[in-house]
Amino acid sequence: MLRKFIHILFLPCSKATMLMEKRNAKAISQKEDWQLSMHLRICKWCRAYEEKLKILDDILKRKRSQKENTEINDSDIQDVKNKVLEKLNL
């Protein structure tokens, strides 16, 4: 009950995940950063999502730096999927 109230008061999960994506692309406001940090303290699912997002971002950055050609093809997508599965030990 308390967790549901806190989710409503601070930030719903849908907004938290959107802010995580936004933060990867550009800076977020101080208020958004505070709300997101409060949400991440109480929501284990969003913390897990943030970890997966970091893994994917690192993989894509490395892939982009390895190639001058930034075109993404099917084999690149499959490589990313395989690396994510390896990191998650699935």
PDB file of N, CA and C in Angstrom:
ATOM      1  N   MET A   1       0.824  -1.195   0.000  1.00  0.00           N
ATOM      2  CA  MET A   1       0.000   0.000   0.000  1.00  0.00           C
ATOM      3  C   MET A   1       0.867   1.258   0.000  1.00  0.00           C
ATOM      4  N   LEU A   2       1.866   1.282   0.873  1.00  0.00           N
ATOM      5  CA  LEU A   2       2.750   2.437   0.958  1.00  0.00           C
ATOM      6  C   LEU A   2       3.524   2.625  -0.354  1.00  0.00           C
ATOM      7  N   ARG A   3       3.993   1.509  -0.924  1.00  0.00           N
ATOM      8  CA  ARG A   3       4.738   1.611  -2.183  1.00  0.00           C
ATOM      9  C   ARG A   3       3.872   2.175  -3.307  1.00  0.00           C
ATOM     10  N   LYS A   4       2.608   1.770  -3.362  1.00  0.00           N
ATOM     11  CA  LYS A   4       1.701   2.303  -4.385  1.00  0.00           C
ATOM     12  C   LYS A   4       1.529   3.808  -4.197  1.00  0.00           C
ATOM     13  N   PHE A   5       1.363   4.237  -2.968  1.00  0.00           N
ATOM     14  CA  PHE A   5       1.209   5.662  -2.678  1.00  0.00           C
ATOM     15  C   PHE A   5       2.470   6.426  -3.085  1.00  0.00           C
ATOM     16  N   ILE A   6       3.617   5.867  -2.763  1.00  0.00           N
ATOM     17  CA  ILE A   6       4.880   6.525  -3.097  1.00  0.00           C
ATOM     18  C   ILE A   6       5.059   6.601  -4.610  1.00  0.00           C
ATOM     19  N   HIS A   7       4.681   5.517  -5.335  1.00  0.00           N
ATOM     20  CA  HIS A   7       4.758   5.546  -6.792  1.00  0.00           C
ATOM     21  C   HIS A   7       3.906   6.682  -7.356  1.00  0.00           C
ATOM     22  N   ILE A   8       2.731   6.853  -6.806  1.00  0.00           N
ATOM     23  CA  ILE A   8       1.837   7.911  -7.275  1.00  0.00           C
ATOM     24  C   ILE A   8       2.389   9.275  -6.892  1.00  0.00           C
ATOM     25  N   LEU A   9       2.874   9.398  -5.676  1.00  0.00           N
ATOM     26  CA  LEU A   9       3.380  10.676  -5.180  1.00  0.00           C
ATOM     27  C   LEU A   9       4.632  11.120  -5.931  1.00  0.00           C
ATOM     28  N   PHE A  10       5.590  10.230  -6.080  1.00  0.00           N
ATOM     29  CA  PHE A  10       6.854  10.608  -6.701  1.00  0.00           C
ATOM     30  C   PHE A  10       6.806  10.498  -8.223  1.00  0.00           C
ATOM     31  N   LEU A  11       6.514   9.302  -8.732  1.00  0.00           N
ATOM     32  CA  LEU A  11       6.608   9.099 -10.169  1.00  0.00           C
ATOM     33  C   LEU A  11       6.084   7.711 -10.511  1.00  0.00           C
ATOM     34  N   PRO A  12       5.242   7.569 -11.526  1.00  0.00           N
ATOM     35  CA  PRO A  12       4.850   6.223 -11.950  1.00  0.00           C
ATOM     36  C   PRO A  12       5.985   5.582 -12.762  1.00  0.00           C
ATOM     37  N   CYS A  13       5.974   4.284 -12.869  1.00  0.00           N
ATOM     38  CA  CYS A  13       7.036   3.567 -13.582  1.00  0.00           C
ATOM     39  C   CYS A  13       7.155   4.016 -15.036  1.00  0.00           C
ATOM     40  N   SER A  14       6.035   4.265 -15.682  1.00  0.00           N
ATOM     41  CA  SER A  14       6.080   4.677 -17.087  1.00  0.00           C
ATOM     42  C   SER A  14       6.844   5.991 -17.250  1.00  0.00           C
ATOM     43  N   LYS A  15       6.646   6.904 -16.349  1.00  0.00           N
ATOM     44  CA  LYS A  15       7.358   8.181 -16.398  1.00  0.00           C
ATOM     45  C   LYS A  15       8.832   7.994 -16.026  1.00  0.00           C
ATOM     46  N   ALA A  16       9.105   7.109 -15.081  1.00  0.00           N
ATOM     47  CA  ALA A  16      10.488   6.858 -14.665  1.00  0.00           C
ATOM     48  C   ALA A  16      11.307   6.285 -15.819  1.00  0.00           C
ATOM     49  N   THR A  17      10.751   5.316 -16.533  1.00  0.00           N
ATOM     50  CA  THR A  17      11.491   4.731 -17.653  1.00  0.00           C
ATOM     51  C   THR A  17      11.703   5.763 -18.758  1.00  0.00           C
ATOM     52  N   MET A  18      10.709   6.616 -18.984  1.00  0.00           N
ATOM     53  CA  MET A  18      10.860   7.674 -19.977  1.00  0.00           C
ATOM     54  C   MET A  18      11.976   8.637 -19.577  1.00  0.00           C
ATOM     55  N   LEU A  19      12.060   8.967 -18.288  1.00  0.00           N
ATOM     56  CA  LEU A  19      13.118   9.866 -17.819  1.00  0.00           C
ATOM     57  C   LEU A  19      14.499   9.224 -17.939  1.00  0.00           C
ATOM     58  N   MET A  20      14.578   7.909 -17.725  1.00  0.00           N
ATOM     59  CA  MET A  20      15.859   7.227 -17.897  1.00  0.00           C
ATOM     60  C   MET A  20      16.334   7.330 -19.343  1.00  0.00           C
ATOM     61  N   GLU A  21      15.417   7.120 -20.270  1.00  0.00           N
ATOM     62  CA  GLU A  21      15.746   7.233 -21.693  1.00  0.00           C
ATOM     63  C   GLU A  21      16.134   8.669 -22.033  1.00  0.00           C
ATOM     64  N   LYS A  22      15.380   9.620 -21.520  1.00  0.00           N
ATOM     65  CA  LYS A  22      15.652  11.037 -21.778  1.00  0.00           C
ATOM     66  C   LYS A  22      17.019  11.428 -21.227  1.00  0.00           C
ATOM     67  N   ARG A  23      17.345  10.918 -20.036  1.00  0.00           N
ATOM     68  CA  ARG A  23      18.629  11.226 -19.401  1.00  0.00           C
ATOM     69  C   ARG A  23      19.800  10.707 -20.232  1.00  0.00           C
ATOM     70  N   ASN A  24      19.603   9.584 -20.924  1.00  0.00           N
ATOM     71  CA  ASN A  24      20.659   9.061 -21.798  1.00  0.00           C
ATOM     72  C   ASN A  24      20.889   9.961 -22.997  1.00  0.00           C
ATOM     73  N   ALA A  25      19.834  10.627 -23.469  1.00  0.00           N
ATOM     74  CA  ALA A  25      19.941  11.468 -24.658  1.00  0.00           C
ATOM     75  C   ALA A  25      20.406  12.893 -24.331  1.00  0.00           C
ATOM     76  N   LYS A  26      19.929  13.422 -23.217  1.00  0.00           N
ATOM     77  CA  LYS A  26      20.287  14.796 -22.832  1.00  0.00           C
ATOM     78  C   LYS A  26      20.080  14.960 -21.333  1.00  0.00           C
ATOM     79  N   ALA A  27      20.479  16.114 -20.825  1.00  0.00           N
ATOM     80  CA  ALA A  27      20.338  16.373 -19.386  1.00  0.00           C
ATOM     81  C   ALA A  27      18.863  16.556 -19.022  1.00  0.00           C
ATOM     82  N   ILE A  28      18.513  16.093 -17.843  1.00  0.00           N
ATOM     83  CA  ILE A  28      17.156  16.300 -17.344  1.00  0.00           C
ATOM     84  C   ILE A  28      17.206  17.358 -16.243  1.00  0.00           C
ATOM     85  N   SER A  29      16.055  17.927 -15.952  1.00  0.00           N
ATOM     86  CA  SER A  29      16.010  18.991 -14.944  1.00  0.00           C
ATOM     87  C   SER A  29      16.321  18.425 -13.552  1.00  0.00           C
ATOM     88  N   GLN A  30      16.624  19.326 -12.649  1.00  0.00           N
ATOM     89  CA  GLN A  30      16.935  18.933 -11.273  1.00  0.00           C
ATOM     90  C   GLN A  30      15.728  18.252 -10.621  1.00  0.00           C
ATOM     91  N   LYS A  31      14.541  18.771 -10.885  1.00  0.00           N
ATOM     92  CA  LYS A  31      13.324  18.181 -10.336  1.00  0.00           C
ATOM     93  C   LYS A  31      13.126  16.761 -10.867  1.00  0.00           C
ATOM     94  N   GLU A  32      13.297  16.587 -12.178  1.00  0.00           N
ATOM     95  CA  GLU A  32      13.144  15.258 -12.780  1.00  0.00           C
ATOM     96  C   GLU A  32      14.183  14.287 -12.224  1.00  0.00           C
ATOM     97  N   ASP A  33      15.406  14.779 -12.061  1.00  0.00           N
ATOM     98  CA  ASP A  33      16.471  13.936 -11.516  1.00  0.00           C
ATOM     99  C   ASP A  33      16.141  13.496 -10.095  1.00  0.00           C
ATOM    100  N   TRP A  34      15.626  14.401  -9.282  1.00  0.00           N
ATOM    101  CA  TRP A  34      15.243  14.070  -7.905  1.00  0.00           C
ATOM    102  C   TRP A  34      14.111  13.050  -7.897  1.00  0.00           C
ATOM    103  N   GLN A  35      13.082  13.307  -8.722  1.00  0.00           N
ATOM    104  CA  GLN A  35      11.950  12.384  -8.780  1.00  0.00           C
ATOM    105  C   GLN A  35      12.409  10.992  -9.213  1.00  0.00           C
ATOM    106  N   LEU A  36      13.265  10.950 -10.212  1.00  0.00           N
ATOM    107  CA  LEU A  36      13.763   9.658 -10.697  1.00  0.00           C
ATOM    108  C   LEU A  36      14.576   8.945  -9.630  1.00  0.00           C
ATOM    109  N   SER A  37      15.436   9.654  -8.937  1.00  0.00           N
ATOM    110  CA  SER A  37      16.246   9.006  -7.904  1.00  0.00           C
ATOM    111  C   SER A  37      15.371   8.486  -6.761  1.00  0.00           C
ATOM    112  N   MET A  38      14.332   9.234  -6.397  1.00  0.00           N
ATOM    113  CA  MET A  38      13.397   8.752  -5.369  1.00  0.00           C
ATOM    114  C   MET A  38      12.676   7.495  -5.844  1.00  0.00           C
ATOM    115  N   HIS A  39      12.245   7.505  -7.088  1.00  0.00           N
ATOM    116  CA  HIS A  39      11.536   6.353  -7.633  1.00  0.00           C
ATOM    117  C   HIS A  39      12.450   5.122  -7.653  1.00  0.00           C
ATOM    118  N   LEU A  40      13.693   5.312  -8.088  1.00  0.00           N
ATOM    119  CA  LEU A  40      14.621   4.187  -8.190  1.00  0.00           C
ATOM    120  C   LEU A  40      14.964   3.600  -6.821  1.00  0.00           C
ATOM    121  N   ARG A  41      14.864   4.383  -5.788  1.00  0.00           N
ATOM    122  CA  ARG A  41      15.121   3.867  -4.436  1.00  0.00           C
ATOM    123  C   ARG A  41      14.055   2.876  -3.983  1.00  0.00           C
ATOM    124  N   ILE A  42      12.837   3.034  -4.500  1.00  0.00           N
ATOM    125  CA  ILE A  42      11.754   2.165  -4.026  1.00  0.00           C
ATOM    126  C   ILE A  42      11.324   1.109  -5.035  1.00  0.00           C
ATOM    127  N   CYS A  43      11.711   1.252  -6.299  1.00  0.00           N
ATOM    128  CA  CYS A  43      11.194   0.354  -7.340  1.00  0.00           C
ATOM    129  C   CYS A  43      12.294  -0.548  -7.892  1.00  0.00           C
ATOM    130  N   LYS A  44      12.255  -1.806  -7.503  1.00  0.00           N
ATOM    131  CA  LYS A  44      13.287  -2.747  -7.956  1.00  0.00           C
ATOM    132  C   LYS A  44      13.177  -3.019  -9.450  1.00  0.00           C
ATOM    133  N   TRP A  45      11.977  -2.924 -10.008  1.00  0.00           N
ATOM    134  CA  TRP A  45      11.796  -3.188 -11.437  1.00  0.00           C
ATOM    135  C   TRP A  45      12.445  -2.095 -12.275  1.00  0.00           C
ATOM    136  N   CYS A  46      12.308  -0.881 -11.861  1.00  0.00           N
ATOM    137  CA  CYS A  46      12.920   0.221 -12.608  1.00  0.00           C
ATOM    138  C   CYS A  46      14.438   0.243 -12.429  1.00  0.00           C
ATOM    139  N   ARG A  47      14.914  -0.188 -11.266  1.00  0.00           N
ATOM    140  CA  ARG A  47      16.372  -0.313 -11.088  1.00  0.00           C
ATOM    141  C   ARG A  47      16.917  -1.364 -12.052  1.00  0.00           C
ATOM    142  N   ALA A  48      16.200  -2.466 -12.201  1.00  0.00           N
ATOM    143  CA  ALA A  48      16.621  -3.522 -13.138  1.00  0.00           C
ATOM    144  C   ALA A  48      16.588  -2.996 -14.569  1.00  0.00           C
ATOM    145  N   TYR A  49      15.558  -2.238 -14.897  1.00  0.00           N
ATOM    146  CA  TYR A  49      15.453  -1.650 -16.236  1.00  0.00           C
ATOM    147  C   TYR A  49      16.631  -0.712 -16.488  1.00  0.00           C
ATOM    148  N   GLU A  50      16.994   0.065 -15.488  1.00  0.00           N
ATOM    149  CA  GLU A  50      18.115   1.002 -15.633  1.00  0.00           C
ATOM    150  C   GLU A  50      19.417   0.262 -15.902  1.00  0.00           C
ATOM    151  N   GLU A  51      19.634  -0.859 -15.216  1.00  0.00           N
ATOM    152  CA  GLU A  51      20.836  -1.661 -15.455  1.00  0.00           C
ATOM    153  C   GLU A  51      20.867  -2.196 -16.874  1.00  0.00           C
ATOM    154  N   LYS A  52      19.734  -2.700 -17.359  1.00  0.00           N
ATOM    155  CA  LYS A  52      19.663  -3.212 -18.729  1.00  0.00           C
ATOM    156  C   LYS A  52      19.882  -2.088 -19.729  1.00  0.00           C
ATOM    157  N   LEU A  53      19.360  -0.922 -19.434  1.00  0.00           N
ATOM    158  CA  LEU A  53      19.539   0.232 -20.300  1.00  0.00           C
ATOM    159  C   LEU A  53      21.018   0.621 -20.388  1.00  0.00           C
ATOM    160  N   LYS A  54      21.718   0.567 -19.277  1.00  0.00           N
ATOM    161  CA  LYS A  54      23.153   0.874 -19.275  1.00  0.00           C
ATOM    162  C   LYS A  54      23.928  -0.136 -20.123  1.00  0.00           C
ATOM    163  N   ILE A  55      23.576  -1.412 -19.991  1.00  0.00           N
ATOM    164  CA  ILE A  55      24.246  -2.459 -20.773  1.00  0.00           C
ATOM    165  C   ILE A  55      24.034  -2.208 -22.262  1.00  0.00           C
ATOM    166  N   LEU A  56      22.799  -1.973 -22.661  1.00  0.00           N
ATOM    167  CA  LEU A  56      22.502  -1.725 -24.072  1.00  0.00           C
ATOM    168  C   LEU A  56      23.210  -0.481 -24.586  1.00  0.00           C
ATOM    169  N   ASP A  57      23.222   0.569 -23.786  1.00  0.00           N
ATOM    170  CA  ASP A  57      23.876   1.811 -24.186  1.00  0.00           C
ATOM    171  C   ASP A  57      25.372   1.598 -24.389  1.00  0.00           C
ATOM    172  N   ASP A  58      26.012   0.860 -23.483  1.00  0.00           N
ATOM    173  CA  ASP A  58      27.440   0.573 -23.621  1.00  0.00           C
ATOM    174  C   ASP A  58      27.724  -0.234 -24.883  1.00  0.00           C
ATOM    175  N   ILE A  59      26.897  -1.229 -25.143  1.00  0.00           N
ATOM    176  CA  ILE A  59      27.086  -2.065 -26.331  1.00  0.00           C
ATOM    177  C   ILE A  59      26.956  -1.223 -27.596  1.00  0.00           C
ATOM    178  N   LEU A  60      25.929  -0.400 -27.647  1.00  0.00           N
ATOM    179  CA  LEU A  60      25.716   0.422 -28.836  1.00  0.00           C
ATOM    180  C   LEU A  60      26.824   1.460 -29.021  1.00  0.00           C
ATOM    181  N   LYS A  61      27.319   2.037 -27.937  1.00  0.00           N
ATOM    182  CA  LYS A  61      28.417   2.999 -28.048  1.00  0.00           C
ATOM    183  C   LYS A  61      29.686   2.325 -28.578  1.00  0.00           C
ATOM    184  N   ARG A  62      29.989   1.141 -28.059  1.00  0.00           N
ATOM    185  CA  ARG A  62      31.168   0.410 -28.548  1.00  0.00           C
ATOM    186  C   ARG A  62      31.010   0.043 -30.014  1.00  0.00           C
ATOM    187  N   LYS A  63      29.836  -0.406 -30.376  1.00  0.00           N
ATOM    188  CA  LYS A  63      29.569  -0.799 -31.753  1.00  0.00           C
ATOM    189  C   LYS A  63      29.714   0.389 -32.687  1.00  0.00           C
ATOM    190  N   ARG A  64      29.186   1.522 -32.256  1.00  0.00           N
ATOM    191  CA  ARG A  64      29.269   2.726 -33.086  1.00  0.00           C
ATOM    192  C   ARG A  64      30.715   3.183 -33.245  1.00  0.00           C
ATOM    193  N   SER A  65      31.500   3.110 -32.182  1.00  0.00           N
ATOM    194  CA  SER A  65      32.892   3.555 -32.258  1.00  0.00           C
ATOM    195  C   SER A  65      33.754   2.597 -33.083  1.00  0.00           C
ATOM    196  N   GLN A  66      33.353   1.352 -33.189  1.00  0.00           N
ATOM    197  CA  GLN A  66      34.105   0.377 -33.975  1.00  0.00           C
ATOM    198  C   GLN A  66      33.908   0.578 -35.472  1.00  0.00           C
ATOM    199  N   LYS A  67      32.807   1.137 -35.850  1.00  0.00           N
ATOM    200  CA  LYS A  67      32.480   1.286 -37.268  1.00  0.00           C
ATOM    201  C   LYS A  67      32.332   2.753 -37.629  1.00  0.00           C
ATOM    202  N   GLU A  68      32.864   3.111 -38.766  1.00  0.00           N
ATOM    203  CA  GLU A  68      32.612   4.441 -39.288  1.00  0.00           C
ATOM    204  C   GLU A  68      31.198   4.491 -39.863  1.00  0.00           C
ATOM    205  N   ASN A  69      30.779   3.384 -40.424  1.00  0.00           N
ATOM    206  CA  ASN A  69      29.443   3.282 -40.983  1.00  0.00           C
ATOM    207  C   ASN A  69      28.474   2.983 -39.842  1.00  0.00           C
ATOM    208  N   THR A  70      27.577   3.897 -39.537  1.00  0.00           N
ATOM    209  CA  THR A  70      26.672   3.717 -38.402  1.00  0.00           C
ATOM    210  C   THR A  70      25.361   3.052 -38.794  1.00  0.00           C
ATOM    211  N   GLU A  71      25.294   2.564 -40.011  1.00  0.00           N
ATOM    212  CA  GLU A  71      24.081   1.869 -40.439  1.00  0.00           C
ATOM    213  C   GLU A  71      23.930   0.575 -39.638  1.00  0.00           C
ATOM    214  N   ILE A  72      22.748   0.346 -39.129  1.00  0.00           N
ATOM    215  CA  ILE A  72      22.487  -0.845 -38.329  1.00  0.00           C
ATOM    216  C   ILE A  72      21.748  -1.854 -39.198  1.00  0.00           C
ATOM    217  N   ASN A  73      22.297  -3.054 -39.275  1.00  0.00           N
ATOM    218  CA  ASN A  73      21.642  -4.102 -40.064  1.00  0.00           C
ATOM    219  C   ASN A  73      21.191  -5.233 -39.143  1.00  0.00           C
ATOM    220  N   ASP A  74      20.599  -6.274 -39.723  1.00  0.00           N
ATOM    221  CA  ASP A  74      20.046  -7.372 -38.933  1.00  0.00           C
ATOM    222  C   ASP A  74      21.108  -8.098 -38.110  1.00  0.00           C
ATOM    223  N   SER A  75      22.305  -8.252 -38.653  1.00  0.00           N
ATOM    224  CA  SER A  75      23.354  -8.951 -37.901  1.00  0.00           C
ATOM    225  C   SER A  75      23.796  -8.132 -36.686  1.00  0.00           C
ATOM    226  N   ASP A  76      23.800  -6.793 -36.820  1.00  0.00           N
ATOM    227  CA  ASP A  76      24.129  -5.929 -35.683  1.00  0.00           C
ATOM    228  C   ASP A  76      23.089  -6.079 -34.572  1.00  0.00           C
ATOM    229  N   ILE A  77      21.844  -6.124 -34.953  1.00  0.00           N
ATOM    230  CA  ILE A  77      20.765  -6.275 -33.976  1.00  0.00           C
ATOM    231  C   ILE A  77      20.890  -7.611 -33.259  1.00  0.00           C
ATOM    232  N   GLN A  78      21.186  -8.667 -34.003  1.00  0.00           N
ATOM    233  CA  GLN A  78      21.336  -9.987 -33.393  1.00  0.00           C
ATOM    234  C   GLN A  78      22.547 -10.023 -32.460  1.00  0.00           C
ATOM    235  N   ASP A  79      23.638  -9.355 -32.853  1.00  0.00           N
ATOM    236  CA  ASP A  79      24.816  -9.277 -31.982  1.00  0.00           C
ATOM    237  C   ASP A  79      24.471  -8.614 -30.650  1.00  0.00           C
ATOM    238  N   VAL A  80      23.716  -7.521 -30.701  1.00  0.00           N
ATOM    239  CA  VAL A  80      23.316  -6.816 -29.479  1.00  0.00           C
ATOM    240  C   VAL A  80      22.454  -7.726 -28.617  1.00  0.00           C
ATOM    241  N   LYS A  81      21.503  -8.415 -29.231  1.00  0.00           N
ATOM    242  CA  LYS A  81      20.639  -9.326 -28.480  1.00  0.00           C
ATOM    243  C   LYS A  81      21.470 -10.414 -27.793  1.00  0.00           C
ATOM    244  N   ASN A  82      22.413 -10.981 -28.518  1.00  0.00           N
ATOM    245  CA  ASN A  82      23.255 -12.040 -27.948  1.00  0.00           C
ATOM    246  C   ASN A  82      24.089 -11.525 -26.781  1.00  0.00           C
ATOM    247  N   LYS A  83      24.644 -10.346 -26.916  1.00  0.00           N
ATOM    248  CA  LYS A  83      25.464  -9.788 -25.840  1.00  0.00           C
ATOM    249  C   LYS A  83      24.630  -9.474 -24.600  1.00  0.00           C
ATOM    250  N   VAL A  84      23.411  -8.971 -24.811  1.00  0.00           N
ATOM    251  CA  VAL A  84      22.528  -8.692 -23.679  1.00  0.00           C
ATOM    252  C   VAL A  84      22.184  -9.994 -22.962  1.00  0.00           C
ATOM    253  N   LEU A  85      21.877 -11.034 -23.727  1.00  0.00           N
ATOM    254  CA  LEU A  85      21.561 -12.333 -23.116  1.00  0.00           C
ATOM    255  C   LEU A  85      22.747 -12.881 -22.340  1.00  0.00           C
ATOM    256  N   GLU A  86      23.957 -12.699 -22.876  1.00  0.00           N
ATOM    257  CA  GLU A  86      25.156 -13.133 -22.160  1.00  0.00           C
ATOM    258  C   GLU A  86      25.298 -12.385 -20.836  1.00  0.00           C
ATOM    259  N   LYS A  87      25.081 -11.068 -20.868  1.00  0.00           N
ATOM    260  CA  LYS A  87      25.219 -10.267 -19.653  1.00  0.00           C
ATOM    261  C   LYS A  87      24.174 -10.637 -18.613  1.00  0.00           C
ATOM    262  N   LEU A  88      22.988 -10.994 -19.085  1.00  0.00           N
ATOM    263  CA  LEU A  88      21.910 -11.351 -18.165  1.00  0.00           C
ATOM    264  C   LEU A  88      21.973 -12.808 -17.756  1.00  0.00           C
ATOM    265  N   ASN A  89      22.896 -13.556 -18.331  1.00  0.00           N
ATOM    266  CA  ASN A  89      23.078 -14.989 -18.027  1.00  0.00           C
ATOM    267  C   ASN A  89      21.816 -15.799 -18.266  1.00  0.00           C
ATOM    268  N   LEU A  90      21.167 -15.551 -19.380  1.00  0.00           N
ATOM    269  CA  LEU A  90      19.960 -16.312 -19.705  1.00  0.00           C
ATOM    270  C   LEU A  90      20.257 -17.438 -20.621  1.00  0.00           C
TER     271      LEU A  90
END
